[in-house]
Amino acid sequence: MSKEKEYVPVSGYVMLVVVFILLTLTVVLLSRPSTVWMGGLLSLSVILLPGFFFVNPNSSRVLVLFGEYKGTVKKNGFFWVNPFFSKRAISLRARNFDSEKIKVNDKVGNPIQIGVILVWQVEDTFKAAFEVDNYENFVRIQSDAAVRRLAGMYPYDNFDDETEVTLRSGHEEVNSALEQNLRNRLHIAGIRVVEARIGYLAYAPEIAGAMLRRQQATAVVAARYKIVEGAVSMVQMASTHLHRKKFLYL
């Protein structure tokens, strides 16, 4: 299996001087009857011109000759290569992908709406160019699949067990699981996941009202429990204090 390899091109400025010399010789030969040499030099100059190209910072060019991968130029500058090379530009910049909100069921079957924010960049240009048909579309599709899988791994919330990791409360663990899932999926395309996190999370509209009322009721019960717990604690403290003062023995 092939992998990315660096290609060292010729300086474009050096070849620009060569082409200039060839064109100068062609002009000189205009005053002479040697049309064969003049035509040959002019043709050579024209053939060399498509070999020039630029590479901008954080960009690359994937070079292919008649279907054979020759290498990748990642160094920025002005270069020249075999004019018969095809030169595909692939950006190495970090990119943001804010997915659309999709409707899925969480671990316990509640319909929710969820979306992710993904920061990614091309790490292996060979894989990005040849292992998948369109690496940008591949990122979008795999991100959607990763979100659906993540939603099925955790409940949106858990009113009965506060220690369980949920989509709403377990940010660190949930985002870590999302990143790892995306890394596994995008590795085949030579994509590096810089960061991935949940960007939008809510119950689906049809159950949002009912779940909000349940959350409010749970909060009220929890508040009352804290009040009772505090009152009991104060009684215990008072009893202990009196016991130490030998006013009351229990």
C-alpha atoms as a PDB file:
ATOM      1  CA  MET A   1       0.000   0.000   0.000  1.00  0.00           C
ATOM      2  CA  SER A   2       1.378   3.402  -1.001  1.00  0.00           C
ATOM      3  CA  LYS A   3       1.783   6.237   1.446  1.00  0.00           C
ATOM      4  CA  GLU A   4       2.542   9.929   1.348  1.00  0.00           C
ATOM      5  CA  LYS A   5       6.062  10.815   0.264  1.00  0.00           C
ATOM      6  CA  GLU A   6       7.775  14.145  -0.163  1.00  0.00           C
ATOM      7  CA  TYR A   7       8.674  15.330  -3.647  1.00  0.00           C
ATOM      8  CA  VAL A   8      11.530  17.810  -4.051  1.00  0.00           C
ATOM      9  CA  PRO A   9      10.784  20.109  -7.011  1.00  0.00           C
ATOM     10  CA  VAL A  10      13.139  22.367  -8.954  1.00  0.00           C
ATOM     11  CA  SER A  11      13.207  26.044  -8.055  1.00  0.00           C
ATOM     12  CA  GLY A  12      10.789  27.915 -10.264  1.00  0.00           C
ATOM     13  CA  TYR A  13      13.127  30.891 -10.509  1.00  0.00           C
ATOM     14  CA  VAL A  14      15.936  28.748 -11.948  1.00  0.00           C
ATOM     15  CA  MET A  15      13.651  27.281 -14.589  1.00  0.00           C
ATOM     16  CA  LEU A  16      12.267  30.740 -15.312  1.00  0.00           C
ATOM     17  CA  VAL A  17      15.809  31.808 -16.247  1.00  0.00           C
ATOM     18  CA  VAL A  18      16.137  28.717 -18.461  1.00  0.00           C
ATOM     19  CA  VAL A  19      12.900  29.515 -20.289  1.00  0.00           C
ATOM     20  CA  PHE A  20      13.993  33.136 -20.696  1.00  0.00           C
ATOM     21  CA  ILE A  21      17.287  31.984 -22.251  1.00  0.00           C
ATOM     22  CA  LEU A  22      15.430  29.665 -24.643  1.00  0.00           C
ATOM     23  CA  LEU A  23      13.106  32.471 -25.706  1.00  0.00           C
ATOM     24  CA  THR A  24      16.074  34.809 -26.177  1.00  0.00           C
ATOM     25  CA  LEU A  25      17.785  32.260 -28.431  1.00  0.00           C
ATOM     26  CA  THR A  26      14.553  31.897 -30.379  1.00  0.00           C
ATOM     27  CA  VAL A  27      14.462  35.652 -31.001  1.00  0.00           C
ATOM     28  CA  VAL A  28      18.106  35.619 -32.075  1.00  0.00           C
ATOM     29  CA  LEU A  29      17.404  32.832 -34.575  1.00  0.00           C
ATOM     30  CA  LEU A  30      14.638  34.884 -36.175  1.00  0.00           C
ATOM     31  CA  SER A  31      17.295  36.739 -38.145  1.00  0.00           C
ATOM     32  CA  ARG A  32      18.797  33.490 -39.414  1.00  0.00           C
ATOM     33  CA  PRO A  33      17.472  30.950 -41.889  1.00  0.00           C
ATOM     34  CA  SER A  34      17.589  28.065 -39.331  1.00  0.00           C
ATOM     35  CA  THR A  35      13.843  27.665 -38.818  1.00  0.00           C
ATOM     36  CA  VAL A  36      14.268  24.115 -37.457  1.00  0.00           C
ATOM     37  CA  TRP A  37      16.247  25.270 -34.439  1.00  0.00           C
ATOM     38  CA  MET A  38      13.982  28.239 -33.919  1.00  0.00           C
ATOM     39  CA  GLY A  39      10.880  26.060 -33.991  1.00  0.00           C
ATOM     40  CA  GLY A  40      12.466  23.511 -31.661  1.00  0.00           C
ATOM     41  CA  LEU A  41      13.480  26.109 -29.063  1.00  0.00           C
ATOM     42  CA  LEU A  42      10.089  27.795 -29.193  1.00  0.00           C
ATOM     43  CA  SER A  43       8.276  24.473 -28.778  1.00  0.00           C
ATOM     44  CA  LEU A  44      10.508  23.519 -25.844  1.00  0.00           C
ATOM     45  CA  SER A  45       9.811  26.843 -24.131  1.00  0.00           C
ATOM     46  CA  VAL A  46       6.062  26.372 -24.515  1.00  0.00           C
ATOM     47  CA  ILE A  47       6.231  22.788 -23.212  1.00  0.00           C
ATOM     48  CA  LEU A  48       8.146  23.865 -20.094  1.00  0.00           C
ATOM     49  CA  LEU A  49       5.652  26.561 -19.076  1.00  0.00           C
ATOM     50  CA  PRO A  50       2.931  24.291 -17.555  1.00  0.00           C
ATOM     51  CA  GLY A  51       5.525  22.949 -15.110  1.00  0.00           C
ATOM     52  CA  PHE A  52       5.476  26.151 -13.040  1.00  0.00           C
ATOM     53  CA  PHE A  53       3.288  26.332  -9.932  1.00  0.00           C
ATOM     54  CA  PHE A  54       2.945  28.006  -6.537  1.00  0.00           C
ATOM     55  CA  VAL A  55       2.442  26.402  -3.122  1.00  0.00           C
ATOM     56  CA  ASN A  56       0.913  28.743  -0.554  1.00  0.00           C
ATOM     57  CA  PRO A  57       1.568  28.426   3.205  1.00  0.00           C
ATOM     58  CA  ASN A  58      -0.353  25.506   4.760  1.00  0.00           C
ATOM     59  CA  SER A  59      -1.119  24.118   1.322  1.00  0.00           C
ATOM     60  CA  SER A  60       0.217  21.228  -0.734  1.00  0.00           C
ATOM     61  CA  ARG A  61       0.306  19.836  -4.254  1.00  0.00           C
ATOM     62  CA  VAL A  62      -0.181  16.139  -4.969  1.00  0.00           C
ATOM     63  CA  LEU A  63       1.785  15.166  -8.092  1.00  0.00           C
ATOM     64  CA  VAL A  64       0.623  12.396 -10.436  1.00  0.00           C
ATOM     65  CA  LEU A  65       2.173  11.293 -13.744  1.00  0.00           C
ATOM     66  CA  PHE A  66      -0.077   9.226 -16.012  1.00  0.00           C
ATOM     67  CA  GLY A  67      -1.911   7.685 -13.048  1.00  0.00           C
ATOM     68  CA  GLU A  68       1.202   7.100 -10.921  1.00  0.00           C
ATOM     69  CA  TYR A  69       1.612   8.975  -7.642  1.00  0.00           C
ATOM     70  CA  LYS A  70       4.989  10.736  -7.598  1.00  0.00           C
ATOM     71  CA  GLY A  71       4.864  12.605  -4.303  1.00  0.00           C
ATOM     72  CA  THR A  72       3.568  15.648  -2.467  1.00  0.00           C
ATOM     73  CA  VAL A  73       5.046  19.138  -2.269  1.00  0.00           C
ATOM     74  CA  LYS A  74       4.287  20.762   1.097  1.00  0.00           C
ATOM     75  CA  LYS A  75       7.010  23.409   1.115  1.00  0.00           C
ATOM     76  CA  ASN A  76       5.602  26.781   0.142  1.00  0.00           C
ATOM     77  CA  GLY A  77       7.163  28.745  -2.707  1.00  0.00           C
ATOM     78  CA  PHE A  78       7.527  28.942  -6.503  1.00  0.00           C
ATOM     79  CA  PHE A  79       8.542  25.665  -8.162  1.00  0.00           C
ATOM     80  CA  TRP A  80       8.801  23.735 -11.403  1.00  0.00           C
ATOM     81  CA  VAL A  81       8.196  20.047 -12.066  1.00  0.00           C
ATOM     82  CA  ASN A  82       7.712  17.814 -15.074  1.00  0.00           C
ATOM     83  CA  PRO A  83       5.078  19.657 -17.153  1.00  0.00           C
ATOM     84  CA  PHE A  84       3.196  16.399 -17.660  1.00  0.00           C
ATOM     85  CA  PHE A  85       2.550  16.079 -13.918  1.00  0.00           C
ATOM     86  CA  SER A  86      -0.975  16.764 -12.738  1.00  0.00           C
ATOM     87  CA  LYS A  87      -0.837  18.992  -9.668  1.00  0.00           C
ATOM     88  CA  ARG A  88      -3.800  18.686  -7.298  1.00  0.00           C
ATOM     89  CA  ALA A  89      -4.000  21.327  -4.583  1.00  0.00           C
ATOM     90  CA  ILE A  90      -4.954  20.124  -1.088  1.00  0.00           C
ATOM     91  CA  SER A  91      -5.232  22.570   1.803  1.00  0.00           C
ATOM     92  CA  LEU A  92      -3.489  21.704   5.077  1.00  0.00           C
ATOM     93  CA  ARG A  93      -5.254  24.424   7.049  1.00  0.00           C
ATOM     94  CA  ALA A  94      -7.423  23.611  10.055  1.00  0.00           C
ATOM     95  CA  ARG A  95     -11.115  23.805   9.194  1.00  0.00           C
ATOM     96  CA  ASN A  96     -14.317  24.106  11.215  1.00  0.00           C
ATOM     97  CA  PHE A  97     -17.324  21.942  10.532  1.00  0.00           C
ATOM     98  CA  ASP A  98     -20.535  22.830  12.345  1.00  0.00           C
ATOM     99  CA  SER A  99     -22.909  19.959  11.655  1.00  0.00           C
ATOM    100  CA  GLU A 100     -26.621  20.357  11.141  1.00  0.00           C
ATOM    101  CA  LYS A 101     -28.895  19.473  14.031  1.00  0.00           C
ATOM    102  CA  ILE A 102     -30.114  15.916  13.569  1.00  0.00           C
ATOM    103  CA  LYS A 103     -32.957  14.147  15.338  1.00  0.00           C
ATOM    104  CA  VAL A 104     -31.998  10.834  16.970  1.00  0.00           C
ATOM    105  CA  ASN A 105     -32.930   8.714  19.977  1.00  0.00           C
ATOM    106  CA  ASP A 106     -30.693   8.664  23.036  1.00  0.00           C
ATOM    107  CA  LYS A 107     -29.734   5.545  24.986  1.00  0.00           C
ATOM    108  CA  VAL A 108     -33.135   5.252  26.686  1.00  0.00           C
ATOM    109  CA  GLY A 109     -35.115   6.016  23.538  1.00  0.00           C
ATOM    110  CA  ASN A 110     -35.944   9.688  24.076  1.00  0.00           C
ATOM    111  CA  PRO A 111     -35.928  11.723  20.830  1.00  0.00           C
ATOM    112  CA  ILE A 112     -33.312  14.475  20.973  1.00  0.00           C
ATOM    113  CA  GLN A 113     -31.720  17.008  18.648  1.00  0.00           C
ATOM    114  CA  ILE A 114     -27.935  17.076  18.577  1.00  0.00           C
ATOM    115  CA  GLY A 115     -25.161  18.706  16.547  1.00  0.00           C
ATOM    116  CA  VAL A 116     -21.360  18.756  16.784  1.00  0.00           C
ATOM    117  CA  ILE A 117     -18.536  21.173  16.104  1.00  0.00           C
ATOM    118  CA  LEU A 118     -15.489  19.546  14.519  1.00  0.00           C
ATOM    119  CA  VAL A 119     -12.055  21.089  13.918  1.00  0.00           C
ATOM    120  CA  TRP A 120     -10.059  19.008  11.426  1.00  0.00           C
ATOM    121  CA  GLN A 121      -7.210  19.175   8.934  1.00  0.00           C
ATOM    122  CA  VAL A 122      -5.589  16.983   6.294  1.00  0.00           C
ATOM    123  CA  GLU A 123      -2.579  15.128   7.689  1.00  0.00           C
ATOM    124  CA  ASP A 124      -1.852  12.572   4.939  1.00  0.00           C
ATOM    125  CA  THR A 125      -2.381  13.968   1.432  1.00  0.00           C
ATOM    126  CA  PHE A 126      -2.064  10.565  -0.254  1.00  0.00           C
ATOM    127  CA  LYS A 127      -4.971   9.129   1.747  1.00  0.00           C
ATOM    128  CA  ALA A 128      -7.044  12.279   1.281  1.00  0.00           C
ATOM    129  CA  ALA A 129      -6.491  12.215  -2.481  1.00  0.00           C
ATOM    130  CA  PHE A 130      -6.713   8.499  -3.251  1.00  0.00           C
ATOM    131  CA  GLU A 131      -8.248   6.505  -0.368  1.00  0.00           C
ATOM    132  CA  VAL A 132     -11.641   8.255  -0.514  1.00  0.00           C
ATOM    133  CA  ASP A 133     -13.610   9.791  -3.351  1.00  0.00           C
ATOM    134  CA  ASN A 134     -14.138  13.209  -1.763  1.00  0.00           C
ATOM    135  CA  TYR A 135     -12.485  13.761   1.608  1.00  0.00           C
ATOM    136  CA  GLU A 136     -14.544  16.851   2.499  1.00  0.00           C
ATOM    137  CA  ASN A 137     -17.823  15.019   1.897  1.00  0.00           C
ATOM    138  CA  PHE A 138     -16.365  12.020   3.750  1.00  0.00           C
ATOM    139  CA  VAL A 139     -15.826  14.212   6.838  1.00  0.00           C
ATOM    140  CA  ARG A 140     -19.451  15.375   6.766  1.00  0.00           C
ATOM    141  CA  ILE A 141     -20.905  11.881   6.391  1.00  0.00           C
ATOM    142  CA  GLN A 142     -18.696  10.297   9.050  1.00  0.00           C
ATOM    143  CA  SER A 143     -19.402  13.152  11.476  1.00  0.00           C
ATOM    144  CA  ASP A 144     -23.119  12.497  11.081  1.00  0.00           C
ATOM    145  CA  ALA A 145     -22.582   8.777  11.715  1.00  0.00           C
ATOM    146  CA  ALA A 146     -20.414   9.491  14.780  1.00  0.00           C
ATOM    147  CA  VAL A 147     -23.080  11.774  16.271  1.00  0.00           C
ATOM    148  CA  ARG A 148     -25.774   9.136  15.826  1.00  0.00           C
ATOM    149  CA  ARG A 149     -23.603   6.520  17.504  1.00  0.00           C
ATOM    150  CA  LEU A 150     -22.733   8.883  20.370  1.00  0.00           C
ATOM    151  CA  ALA A 151     -26.393   9.656  21.041  1.00  0.00           C
ATOM    152  CA  GLY A 152     -27.116   5.949  21.382  1.00  0.00           C
ATOM    153  CA  MET A 153     -24.329   5.475  23.924  1.00  0.00           C
ATOM    154  CA  TYR A 154     -25.598   7.906  26.583  1.00  0.00           C
ATOM    155  CA  PRO A 155     -28.961   9.137  27.879  1.00  0.00           C
ATOM    156  CA  TYR A 156     -29.737  12.822  27.514  1.00  0.00           C
ATOM    157  CA  ASP A 157     -30.301  13.043  31.256  1.00  0.00           C
ATOM    158  CA  ASN A 158     -30.902  10.701  34.183  1.00  0.00           C
ATOM    159  CA  PHE A 159     -33.283  11.832  36.917  1.00  0.00           C
ATOM    160  CA  ASP A 160     -32.904   8.649  38.969  1.00  0.00           C
ATOM    161  CA  ASP A 161     -29.118   8.197  39.011  1.00  0.00           C
ATOM    162  CA  GLU A 162     -27.071  11.396  39.162  1.00  0.00           C
ATOM    163  CA  THR A 163     -23.792   9.443  38.984  1.00  0.00           C
ATOM    164  CA  GLU A 164     -24.465   8.114  35.467  1.00  0.00           C
ATOM    165  CA  VAL A 165     -22.653   9.870  32.627  1.00  0.00           C
ATOM    166  CA  THR A 166     -25.148  11.702  30.423  1.00  0.00           C
ATOM    167  CA  LEU A 167     -24.985  13.849  27.311  1.00  0.00           C
ATOM    168  CA  ARG A 168     -25.993  16.921  29.315  1.00  0.00           C
ATOM    169  CA  SER A 169     -23.675  16.566  32.293  1.00  0.00           C
ATOM    170  CA  GLY A 170     -20.737  14.394  31.213  1.00  0.00           C
ATOM    171  CA  HIS A 171     -19.111  16.897  28.882  1.00  0.00           C
ATOM    172  CA  GLU A 172     -15.517  15.720  29.259  1.00  0.00           C
ATOM    173  CA  GLU A 173     -16.183  12.000  28.854  1.00  0.00           C
ATOM    174  CA  VAL A 174     -18.769  12.457  26.112  1.00  0.00           C
ATOM    175  CA  ASN A 175     -16.575  14.790  24.050  1.00  0.00           C
ATOM    176  CA  SER A 176     -13.606  12.455  24.516  1.00  0.00           C
ATOM    177  CA  ALA A 177     -15.665   9.522  23.219  1.00  0.00           C
ATOM    178  CA  LEU A 178     -16.796  11.630  20.261  1.00  0.00           C
ATOM    179  CA  GLU A 179     -13.216  12.607  19.379  1.00  0.00           C
ATOM    180  CA  GLN A 180     -11.978   9.021  19.545  1.00  0.00           C
ATOM    181  CA  ASN A 181     -14.851   7.790  17.400  1.00  0.00           C
ATOM    182  CA  LEU A 182     -14.161  10.446  14.770  1.00  0.00           C
ATOM    183  CA  ARG A 183     -10.425   9.720  14.772  1.00  0.00           C
ATOM    184  CA  ASN A 184     -11.110   6.058  14.060  1.00  0.00           C
ATOM    185  CA  ARG A 185     -13.519   6.914  11.256  1.00  0.00           C
ATOM    186  CA  LEU A 186     -11.447   9.644   9.567  1.00  0.00           C
ATOM    187  CA  HIS A 187      -8.044   7.961   9.787  1.00  0.00           C
ATOM    188  CA  ILE A 188      -8.628   6.167   6.481  1.00  0.00           C
ATOM    189  CA  ALA A 189      -8.913   9.551   4.742  1.00  0.00           C
ATOM    190  CA  GLY A 190      -5.739  10.974   6.294  1.00  0.00           C
ATOM    191  CA  ILE A 191      -7.723  13.425   8.433  1.00  0.00           C
ATOM    192  CA  ARG A 192      -6.520  14.578  11.855  1.00  0.00           C
ATOM    193  CA  VAL A 193      -9.189  15.500  14.391  1.00  0.00           C
ATOM    194  CA  VAL A 194      -8.010  18.620  16.229  1.00  0.00           C
ATOM    195  CA  GLU A 195     -11.112  18.978  18.401  1.00  0.00           C
ATOM    196  CA  ALA A 196     -14.649  17.637  18.518  1.00  0.00           C
ATOM    197  CA  ARG A 197     -17.432  18.593  20.898  1.00  0.00           C
ATOM    198  CA  ILE A 198     -21.203  18.760  21.134  1.00  0.00           C
ATOM    199  CA  GLY A 199     -22.348  22.106  19.767  1.00  0.00           C
ATOM    200  CA  TYR A 200     -26.102  21.746  20.199  1.00  0.00           C
ATOM    201  CA  LEU A 201     -28.168  19.516  22.466  1.00  0.00           C
ATOM    202  CA  ALA A 202     -31.885  19.604  23.252  1.00  0.00           C
ATOM    203  CA  TYR A 203     -34.899  17.377  23.562  1.00  0.00           C
ATOM    204  CA  ALA A 204     -36.989  17.043  20.407  1.00  0.00           C
ATOM    205  CA  PRO A 205     -39.883  19.565  20.322  1.00  0.00           C
ATOM    206  CA  GLU A 206     -42.572  16.912  20.849  1.00  0.00           C
ATOM    207  CA  ILE A 207     -41.262  15.984  24.319  1.00  0.00           C
ATOM    208  CA  ALA A 208     -39.370  19.138  25.284  1.00  0.00           C
ATOM    209  CA  GLY A 209     -42.249  20.566  27.361  1.00  0.00           C
ATOM    210  CA  ALA A 210     -42.857  17.359  29.295  1.00  0.00           C
ATOM    211  CA  MET A 211     -39.162  16.831  30.018  1.00  0.00           C
ATOM    212  CA  LEU A 212     -38.790  20.446  31.161  1.00  0.00           C
ATOM    213  CA  ARG A 213     -41.614  19.976  33.668  1.00  0.00           C
ATOM    214  CA  ARG A 214     -39.956  16.776  34.860  1.00  0.00           C
ATOM    215  CA  GLN A 215     -36.646  18.598  35.319  1.00  0.00           C
ATOM    216  CA  GLN A 216     -38.390  21.336  37.300  1.00  0.00           C
ATOM    217  CA  ALA A 217     -40.153  18.789  39.506  1.00  0.00           C
ATOM    218  CA  THR A 218     -36.883  16.982  40.122  1.00  0.00           C
ATOM    219  CA  ALA A 219     -35.225  20.278  41.049  1.00  0.00           C
ATOM    220  CA  VAL A 220     -38.026  21.077  43.527  1.00  0.00           C
ATOM    221  CA  VAL A 221     -37.739  17.643  45.151  1.00  0.00           C
ATOM    222  CA  ALA A 222     -33.966  18.005  45.365  1.00  0.00           C
ATOM    223  CA  ALA A 223     -34.309  21.454  46.955  1.00  0.00           C
ATOM    224  CA  ARG A 224     -36.775  20.158  49.560  1.00  0.00           C
ATOM    225  CA  TYR A 225     -34.483  17.240  50.297  1.00  0.00           C
ATOM    226  CA  LYS A 226     -31.616  19.658  50.904  1.00  0.00           C
ATOM    227  CA  ILE A 227     -33.793  21.714  53.257  1.00  0.00           C
ATOM    228  CA  VAL A 228     -34.795  18.638  55.270  1.00  0.00           C
ATOM    229  CA  GLU A 229     -31.223  17.385  55.271  1.00  0.00           C
ATOM    230  CA  GLY A 230     -30.042  20.764  56.552  1.00  0.00           C
ATOM    231  CA  ALA A 231     -32.663  20.814  59.318  1.00  0.00           C
ATOM    232  CA  VAL A 232     -31.700  17.313  60.465  1.00  0.00           C
ATOM    233  CA  SER A 233     -28.055  18.301  60.446  1.00  0.00           C
ATOM    234  CA  MET A 234     -28.785  21.359  62.614  1.00  0.00           C
ATOM    235  CA  VAL A 235     -30.703  19.208  65.135  1.00  0.00           C
ATOM    236  CA  GLN A 236     -27.817  16.752  65.298  1.00  0.00           C
ATOM    237  CA  MET A 237     -25.337  19.581  65.854  1.00  0.00           C
ATOM    238  CA  ALA A 238     -27.490  21.075  68.630  1.00  0.00           C
ATOM    239  CA  SER A 239     -27.856  17.664  70.306  1.00  0.00           C
ATOM    240  CA  THR A 240     -24.100  17.097  70.173  1.00  0.00           C
ATOM    241  CA  HIS A 241     -23.444  20.540  71.617  1.00  0.00           C
ATOM    242  CA  LEU A 242     -25.845  19.992  74.529  1.00  0.00           C
ATOM    243  CA  HIS A 243     -24.386  16.570  75.165  1.00  0.00           C
ATOM    244  CA  ARG A 244     -20.923  18.072  75.490  1.00  0.00           C
ATOM    245  CA  LYS A 245     -22.274  20.640  77.933  1.00  0.00           C
ATOM    246  CA  LYS A 246     -23.832  17.799  79.957  1.00  0.00           C
ATOM    247  CA  PHE A 247     -27.267  19.363  79.710  1.00  0.00           C
ATOM    248  CA  LEU A 248     -28.740  16.481  77.792  1.00  0.00           C
ATOM    249  CA  TYR A 249     -27.821  12.852  77.519  1.00  0.00           C
ATOM    250  CA  LEU A 250     -29.055  10.694  74.702  1.00  0.00           C
END
